[in-house]
Amino acid sequence: AGSHIYAQHMDQYDMISLAHGVDLPLIGLGTFKARGEPLKQAVCTALQHGIRHIDTASIYKNEEDIAAVLKEQGVSRQDVFITSKVSPYEQGTEQATLACQQILQRLQTDYVVRDAATAMSQLLHSTH
């Protein structure tokens, strides 16, 4: 199954344009406590239904599974909004920098959105 299967669903869900010009899908898949086959099935199903925002964190330990599903399904990285967070145990400039590099390696990507919650909060407060 290639990304062309999913393209027809991409406009199905609303987006919010963030201040720096990136469109954030309003509906996303949270992956807390999900690993292995249940996680892979959830990500696959979400993609099939047009979900283009996947949230993970280094402490969830599921980034490799997410990367595998994206690769298996042939979904272009540019078509998926991935958010991630460093662990509370990875604080401080050096540790957080290393953690971010490891997150990118595990997700097999060169970028993620590091703090969607803050971006959403700023966006929501700026509209009032």
N, C-alpha and C. Protein backbone atom coordinates (compact mmCIF):
# COMPACT_ATOMS: atom_id res chain seq x y z
N ALA A 1 0.84 -1.18 0.00
CA ALA A 1 0.00 0.00 0.00
C ALA A 1 0.88 1.24 0.00
N GLY A 2 0.65 2.12 -0.93
CA GLY A 2 1.46 3.33 -1.05
C GLY A 2 0.74 4.53 -0.51
N SER A 3 1.44 5.64 -0.50
CA SER A 3 0.87 6.86 0.06
C SER A 3 -0.30 7.38 -0.76
N HIS A 4 -0.41 6.96 -2.02
CA HIS A 4 -1.53 7.43 -2.84
C HIS A 4 -2.87 7.00 -2.28
N ILE A 5 -2.90 5.91 -1.54
CA ILE A 5 -4.15 5.44 -0.92
C ILE A 5 -4.61 6.45 0.12
N TYR A 6 -3.67 7.06 0.82
CA TYR A 6 -3.99 7.96 1.90
C TYR A 6 -4.25 9.39 1.43
N ALA A 7 -3.74 9.73 0.25
CA ALA A 7 -3.83 11.12 -0.21
C ALA A 7 -5.27 11.60 -0.30
N GLN A 8 -6.20 10.72 -0.63
CA GLN A 8 -7.58 11.14 -0.76
C GLN A 8 -8.20 11.56 0.56
N HIS A 9 -7.61 11.18 1.67
CA HIS A 9 -8.16 11.51 2.98
C HIS A 9 -7.48 12.71 3.63
N MET A 10 -6.42 13.23 3.05
CA MET A 10 -5.61 14.24 3.72
C MET A 10 -6.37 15.51 4.07
N ASP A 11 -7.32 15.92 3.28
CA ASP A 11 -8.06 17.14 3.57
C ASP A 11 -9.29 16.89 4.44
N GLN A 12 -9.46 15.66 4.89
CA GLN A 12 -10.63 15.28 5.64
C GLN A 12 -10.68 15.96 7.01
N TYR A 13 -9.53 16.24 7.61
CA TYR A 13 -9.48 16.79 8.95
C TYR A 13 -8.97 18.23 8.90
N ASP A 14 -9.49 19.07 9.79
CA ASP A 14 -9.09 20.47 9.84
C ASP A 14 -7.66 20.64 10.33
N MET A 15 -7.07 21.74 9.90
CA MET A 15 -5.71 22.08 10.28
C MET A 15 -5.73 23.49 10.89
N ILE A 16 -4.72 23.77 11.70
CA ILE A 16 -4.49 25.11 12.22
C ILE A 16 -3.11 25.53 11.74
N SER A 17 -3.01 26.72 11.19
CA SER A 17 -1.70 27.23 10.78
C SER A 17 -1.02 27.85 11.99
N LEU A 18 0.16 27.36 12.31
CA LEU A 18 0.93 27.89 13.43
C LEU A 18 1.67 29.15 12.99
N ALA A 19 2.14 29.90 13.95
CA ALA A 19 2.78 31.19 13.68
C ALA A 19 3.95 31.08 12.72
N HIS A 20 4.67 29.98 12.76
CA HIS A 20 5.83 29.82 11.88
C HIS A 20 5.47 29.19 10.53
N GLY A 21 4.17 29.13 10.21
CA GLY A 21 3.73 28.70 8.89
C GLY A 21 3.49 27.22 8.70
N VAL A 22 3.62 26.44 9.75
CA VAL A 22 3.37 25.00 9.66
C VAL A 22 1.91 24.73 9.98
N ASP A 23 1.30 23.84 9.22
CA ASP A 23 -0.08 23.44 9.48
C ASP A 23 -0.11 22.25 10.42
N LEU A 24 -0.82 22.40 11.53
CA LEU A 24 -0.95 21.36 12.54
C LEU A 24 -2.32 20.71 12.40
N PRO A 25 -2.37 19.40 12.14
CA PRO A 25 -3.67 18.72 12.11
C PRO A 25 -4.32 18.77 13.49
N LEU A 26 -5.62 19.06 13.52
CA LEU A 26 -6.33 19.15 14.80
C LEU A 26 -6.55 17.79 15.44
N ILE A 27 -6.59 16.75 14.64
CA ILE A 27 -6.80 15.40 15.17
C ILE A 27 -5.51 14.61 14.99
N GLY A 28 -5.07 13.98 16.07
CA GLY A 28 -3.84 13.21 16.01
C GLY A 28 -3.97 11.92 16.80
N LEU A 29 -2.98 11.06 16.64
CA LEU A 29 -2.95 9.79 17.36
C LEU A 29 -1.93 9.89 18.48
N GLY A 30 -2.38 9.78 19.72
CA GLY A 30 -1.48 9.71 20.86
C GLY A 30 -1.02 8.27 21.04
N THR A 31 0.26 8.08 21.35
CA THR A 31 0.80 6.72 21.41
C THR A 31 1.32 6.33 22.79
N PHE A 32 0.91 7.06 23.82
CA PHE A 32 1.34 6.75 25.19
C PHE A 32 0.94 5.33 25.56
N LYS A 33 1.89 4.58 26.09
CA LYS A 33 1.71 3.19 26.55
C LYS A 33 1.45 2.19 25.42
N ALA A 34 1.57 2.61 24.17
CA ALA A 34 1.34 1.69 23.05
C ALA A 34 2.68 1.25 22.48
N ARG A 35 2.81 -0.06 22.29
CA ARG A 35 4.05 -0.63 21.73
C ARG A 35 3.71 -1.86 20.90
N GLY A 36 4.68 -2.28 20.11
CA GLY A 36 4.56 -3.53 19.36
C GLY A 36 3.40 -3.54 18.38
N GLU A 37 2.80 -4.70 18.21
CA GLU A 37 1.73 -4.88 17.22
C GLU A 37 0.51 -4.00 17.47
N PRO A 38 0.05 -3.84 18.73
CA PRO A 38 -1.10 -2.94 18.93
C PRO A 38 -0.80 -1.51 18.46
N LEU A 39 0.40 -1.03 18.73
CA LEU A 39 0.79 0.30 18.26
C LEU A 39 0.83 0.34 16.74
N LYS A 40 1.47 -0.64 16.13
CA LYS A 40 1.59 -0.67 14.67
C LYS A 40 0.21 -0.67 14.02
N GLN A 41 -0.70 -1.45 14.57
CA GLN A 41 -2.06 -1.49 14.01
C GLN A 41 -2.77 -0.15 14.19
N ALA A 42 -2.58 0.48 15.35
CA ALA A 42 -3.22 1.78 15.59
C ALA A 42 -2.70 2.83 14.62
N VAL A 43 -1.38 2.87 14.42
CA VAL A 43 -0.80 3.85 13.50
C VAL A 43 -1.28 3.58 12.08
N CYS A 44 -1.27 2.33 11.67
CA CYS A 44 -1.73 1.96 10.33
C CYS A 44 -3.19 2.36 10.13
N THR A 45 -4.03 2.06 11.08
CA THR A 45 -5.46 2.41 10.99
C THR A 45 -5.64 3.92 10.94
N ALA A 46 -4.91 4.63 11.79
CA ALA A 46 -5.00 6.10 11.79
C ALA A 46 -4.62 6.66 10.42
N LEU A 47 -3.53 6.16 9.85
CA LEU A 47 -3.09 6.62 8.53
C LEU A 47 -4.14 6.32 7.47
N GLN A 48 -4.72 5.14 7.54
CA GLN A 48 -5.75 4.76 6.57
C GLN A 48 -6.97 5.67 6.63
N HIS A 49 -7.20 6.25 7.80
CA HIS A 49 -8.35 7.14 7.98
C HIS A 49 -7.99 8.61 7.89
N GLY A 50 -6.80 8.88 7.39
CA GLY A 50 -6.41 10.26 7.12
C GLY A 50 -5.77 11.01 8.25
N ILE A 51 -5.54 10.36 9.39
CA ILE A 51 -4.86 11.02 10.51
C ILE A 51 -3.42 11.27 10.10
N ARG A 52 -2.96 12.50 10.27
CA ARG A 52 -1.61 12.87 9.86
C ARG A 52 -0.80 13.50 10.97
N HIS A 53 -1.22 13.29 12.22
CA HIS A 53 -0.48 13.79 13.37
C HIS A 53 -0.27 12.62 14.32
N ILE A 54 0.98 12.29 14.57
CA ILE A 54 1.31 11.20 15.49
C ILE A 54 2.17 11.78 16.60
N ASP A 55 1.75 11.55 17.84
CA ASP A 55 2.46 12.06 19.00
C ASP A 55 3.16 10.92 19.72
N THR A 56 4.42 11.12 20.03
CA THR A 56 5.21 10.13 20.76
C THR A 56 6.13 10.87 21.72
N ALA A 57 6.96 10.12 22.42
CA ALA A 57 7.96 10.69 23.33
C ALA A 57 9.04 9.64 23.55
N SER A 58 10.22 10.08 23.88
CA SER A 58 11.30 9.11 24.09
C SER A 58 10.96 8.14 25.21
N ILE A 59 10.25 8.61 26.23
CA ILE A 59 9.91 7.74 27.36
C ILE A 59 8.87 6.68 27.00
N TYR A 60 8.14 6.87 25.89
CA TYR A 60 7.16 5.88 25.44
C TYR A 60 7.83 4.64 24.85
N LYS A 61 9.06 4.80 24.35
CA LYS A 61 9.84 3.70 23.77
C LYS A 61 9.11 3.01 22.62
N ASN A 62 8.49 3.81 21.74
CA ASN A 62 7.77 3.23 20.61
C ASN A 62 8.13 3.89 19.27
N GLU A 63 9.16 4.69 19.28
CA GLU A 63 9.51 5.45 18.08
C GLU A 63 9.93 4.56 16.91
N GLU A 64 10.65 3.47 17.18
CA GLU A 64 11.06 2.58 16.09
C GLU A 64 9.85 1.93 15.43
N ASP A 65 8.85 1.56 16.22
CA ASP A 65 7.64 0.96 15.66
C ASP A 65 6.89 1.97 14.78
N ILE A 66 6.83 3.21 15.21
CA ILE A 66 6.17 4.25 14.42
C ILE A 66 6.89 4.43 13.10
N ALA A 67 8.22 4.51 13.16
CA ALA A 67 9.02 4.65 11.93
C ALA A 67 8.80 3.47 10.99
N ALA A 68 8.72 2.27 11.55
CA ALA A 68 8.52 1.08 10.72
C ALA A 68 7.18 1.12 9.98
N VAL A 69 6.13 1.54 10.67
CA VAL A 69 4.81 1.61 10.03
C VAL A 69 4.81 2.66 8.92
N LEU A 70 5.38 3.82 9.18
CA LEU A 70 5.43 4.86 8.15
C LEU A 70 6.15 4.35 6.91
N LYS A 71 7.23 3.63 7.14
CA LYS A 71 8.00 3.07 6.02
C LYS A 71 7.21 1.98 5.29
N GLU A 72 6.62 1.06 6.06
CA GLU A 72 5.85 -0.04 5.48
C GLU A 72 4.66 0.47 4.66
N GLN A 73 4.03 1.53 5.13
CA GLN A 73 2.84 2.05 4.46
C GLN A 73 3.19 3.02 3.32
N GLY A 74 4.44 3.35 3.17
CA GLY A 74 4.86 4.23 2.09
C GLY A 74 4.39 5.65 2.23
N VAL A 75 4.17 6.09 3.47
CA VAL A 75 3.71 7.45 3.72
C VAL A 75 4.93 8.37 3.73
N SER A 76 4.88 9.41 2.93
CA SER A 76 5.97 10.38 2.85
C SER A 76 6.09 11.12 4.18
N ARG A 77 7.31 11.33 4.64
CA ARG A 77 7.55 12.05 5.90
C ARG A 77 6.93 13.44 5.88
N GLN A 78 6.94 14.08 4.72
CA GLN A 78 6.38 15.42 4.61
C GLN A 78 4.87 15.44 4.80
N ASP A 79 4.23 14.28 4.71
CA ASP A 79 2.78 14.19 4.86
C ASP A 79 2.33 13.86 6.27
N VAL A 80 3.28 13.72 7.21
CA VAL A 80 2.95 13.33 8.58
C VAL A 80 3.57 14.34 9.55
N PHE A 81 2.76 14.80 10.48
CA PHE A 81 3.18 15.74 11.52
C PHE A 81 3.51 14.90 12.75
N ILE A 82 4.79 14.81 13.11
CA ILE A 82 5.20 13.99 14.25
C ILE A 82 5.65 14.92 15.37
N THR A 83 5.05 14.73 16.55
CA THR A 83 5.50 15.46 17.73
C THR A 83 6.17 14.48 18.68
N SER A 84 7.17 14.97 19.39
CA SER A 84 7.87 14.14 20.36
C SER A 84 8.34 15.00 21.52
N LYS A 85 8.71 14.36 22.58
CA LYS A 85 9.20 15.05 23.78
C LYS A 85 10.40 14.30 24.34
N VAL A 86 11.31 15.02 24.96
CA VAL A 86 12.39 14.35 25.68
C VAL A 86 11.86 13.93 27.04
N SER A 87 12.47 12.93 27.58
CA SER A 87 12.09 12.39 28.88
C SER A 87 12.45 13.36 30.01
N PRO A 88 11.72 13.28 31.11
CA PRO A 88 12.12 14.09 32.28
C PRO A 88 13.53 13.74 32.76
N TYR A 89 14.02 12.57 32.37
CA TYR A 89 15.36 12.13 32.76
C TYR A 89 16.43 12.63 31.79
N GLU A 90 16.01 13.35 30.73
CA GLU A 90 16.93 13.82 29.70
C GLU A 90 16.96 15.36 29.67
N GLN A 91 17.03 15.96 30.82
CA GLN A 91 17.00 17.41 30.91
C GLN A 91 18.41 17.99 30.93
N GLY A 92 18.51 19.28 30.67
CA GLY A 92 19.81 19.94 30.57
C GLY A 92 20.23 19.99 29.11
N THR A 93 21.01 20.98 28.76
CA THR A 93 21.36 21.22 27.36
C THR A 93 21.99 20.01 26.70
N GLU A 94 23.02 19.44 27.31
CA GLU A 94 23.73 18.32 26.67
C GLU A 94 22.85 17.08 26.57
N GLN A 95 22.19 16.73 27.66
CA GLN A 95 21.35 15.53 27.65
C GLN A 95 20.17 15.69 26.70
N ALA A 96 19.54 16.85 26.70
CA ALA A 96 18.39 17.08 25.83
C ALA A 96 18.80 17.07 24.36
N THR A 97 19.97 17.64 24.05
CA THR A 97 20.47 17.64 22.68
C THR A 97 20.71 16.21 22.21
N LEU A 98 21.36 15.42 23.03
CA LEU A 98 21.61 14.02 22.69
C LEU A 98 20.29 13.27 22.55
N ALA A 99 19.35 13.52 23.46
CA ALA A 99 18.04 12.86 23.40
C ALA A 99 17.32 13.18 22.10
N CYS A 100 17.37 14.43 21.68
CA CYS A 100 16.73 14.83 20.42
C CYS A 100 17.36 14.11 19.24
N GLN A 101 18.67 14.01 19.24
CA GLN A 101 19.35 13.28 18.16
C GLN A 101 18.93 11.82 18.13
N GLN A 102 18.79 11.21 19.30
CA GLN A 102 18.38 9.81 19.39
C GLN A 102 16.92 9.63 18.95
N ILE A 103 16.07 10.58 19.31
CA ILE A 103 14.66 10.54 18.87
C ILE A 103 14.61 10.54 17.35
N LEU A 104 15.36 11.44 16.74
CA LEU A 104 15.37 11.53 15.27
C LEU A 104 15.88 10.23 14.65
N GLN A 105 16.90 9.62 15.24
CA GLN A 105 17.41 8.35 14.73
C GLN A 105 16.36 7.25 14.84
N ARG A 106 15.71 7.16 15.99
CA ARG A 106 14.72 6.10 16.18
C ARG A 106 13.51 6.28 15.26
N LEU A 107 13.14 7.54 15.01
CA LEU A 107 12.01 7.82 14.10
C LEU A 107 12.43 7.80 12.63
N GLN A 108 13.72 7.66 12.39
CA GLN A 108 14.28 7.65 11.03
C GLN A 108 13.85 8.90 10.25
N THR A 109 14.01 10.04 10.88
CA THR A 109 13.65 11.31 10.27
C THR A 109 14.68 12.36 10.65
N ASP A 110 14.59 13.50 10.00
CA ASP A 110 15.52 14.58 10.33
C ASP A 110 14.84 15.75 11.02
N TYR A 111 13.53 15.61 11.31
CA TYR A 111 12.86 16.67 12.06
C TYR A 111 11.59 16.15 12.71
N VAL A 112 11.23 16.78 13.84
CA VAL A 112 9.96 16.57 14.54
C VAL A 112 9.54 17.92 15.09
N VAL A 113 8.32 17.99 15.55
CA VAL A 113 7.86 19.19 16.27
C VAL A 113 8.07 18.88 17.73
N ARG A 114 8.84 19.73 18.39
CA ARG A 114 9.24 19.38 19.75
C ARG A 114 8.22 19.71 20.81
N ASP A 115 7.33 20.65 20.55
CA ASP A 115 6.43 21.05 21.62
C ASP A 115 5.10 21.55 21.05
N ALA A 116 4.30 20.66 20.56
CA ALA A 116 3.02 21.04 19.96
C ALA A 116 2.08 21.66 20.99
N ALA A 117 2.16 21.21 22.24
CA ALA A 117 1.25 21.75 23.26
C ALA A 117 1.50 23.24 23.47
N THR A 118 2.76 23.64 23.52
CA THR A 118 3.06 25.06 23.69
C THR A 118 2.62 25.85 22.46
N ALA A 119 2.88 25.29 21.28
CA ALA A 119 2.47 25.96 20.04
C ALA A 119 0.95 26.13 20.00
N MET A 120 0.23 25.09 20.39
CA MET A 120 -1.24 25.17 20.40
C MET A 120 -1.71 26.19 21.43
N SER A 121 -1.10 26.21 22.60
CA SER A 121 -1.49 27.16 23.64
C SER A 121 -1.27 28.59 23.16
N GLN A 122 -0.12 28.84 22.55
CA GLN A 122 0.17 30.19 22.04
C GLN A 122 -0.84 30.56 20.96
N LEU A 123 -1.16 29.63 20.09
CA LEU A 123 -2.10 29.89 19.02
C LEU A 123 -3.49 30.20 19.59
N LEU A 124 -3.94 29.40 20.53
CA LEU A 124 -5.26 29.59 21.09
C LEU A 124 -5.35 30.92 21.85
N HIS A 125 -4.31 31.27 22.58
CA HIS A 125 -4.31 32.54 23.33
C HIS A 125 -4.24 33.74 22.40
N SER A 126 -3.61 33.58 21.25
CA SER A 126 -3.48 34.72 20.33
C SER A 126 -4.77 34.99 19.58
N THR A 127 -5.72 34.05 19.59
CA THR A 127 -6.99 34.26 18.89
C THR A 127 -8.08 34.86 19.77
N HIS A 128 -7.77 35.08 21.05
CA HIS A 128 -8.77 35.64 21.97
C HIS A 128 -8.52 37.09 22.25
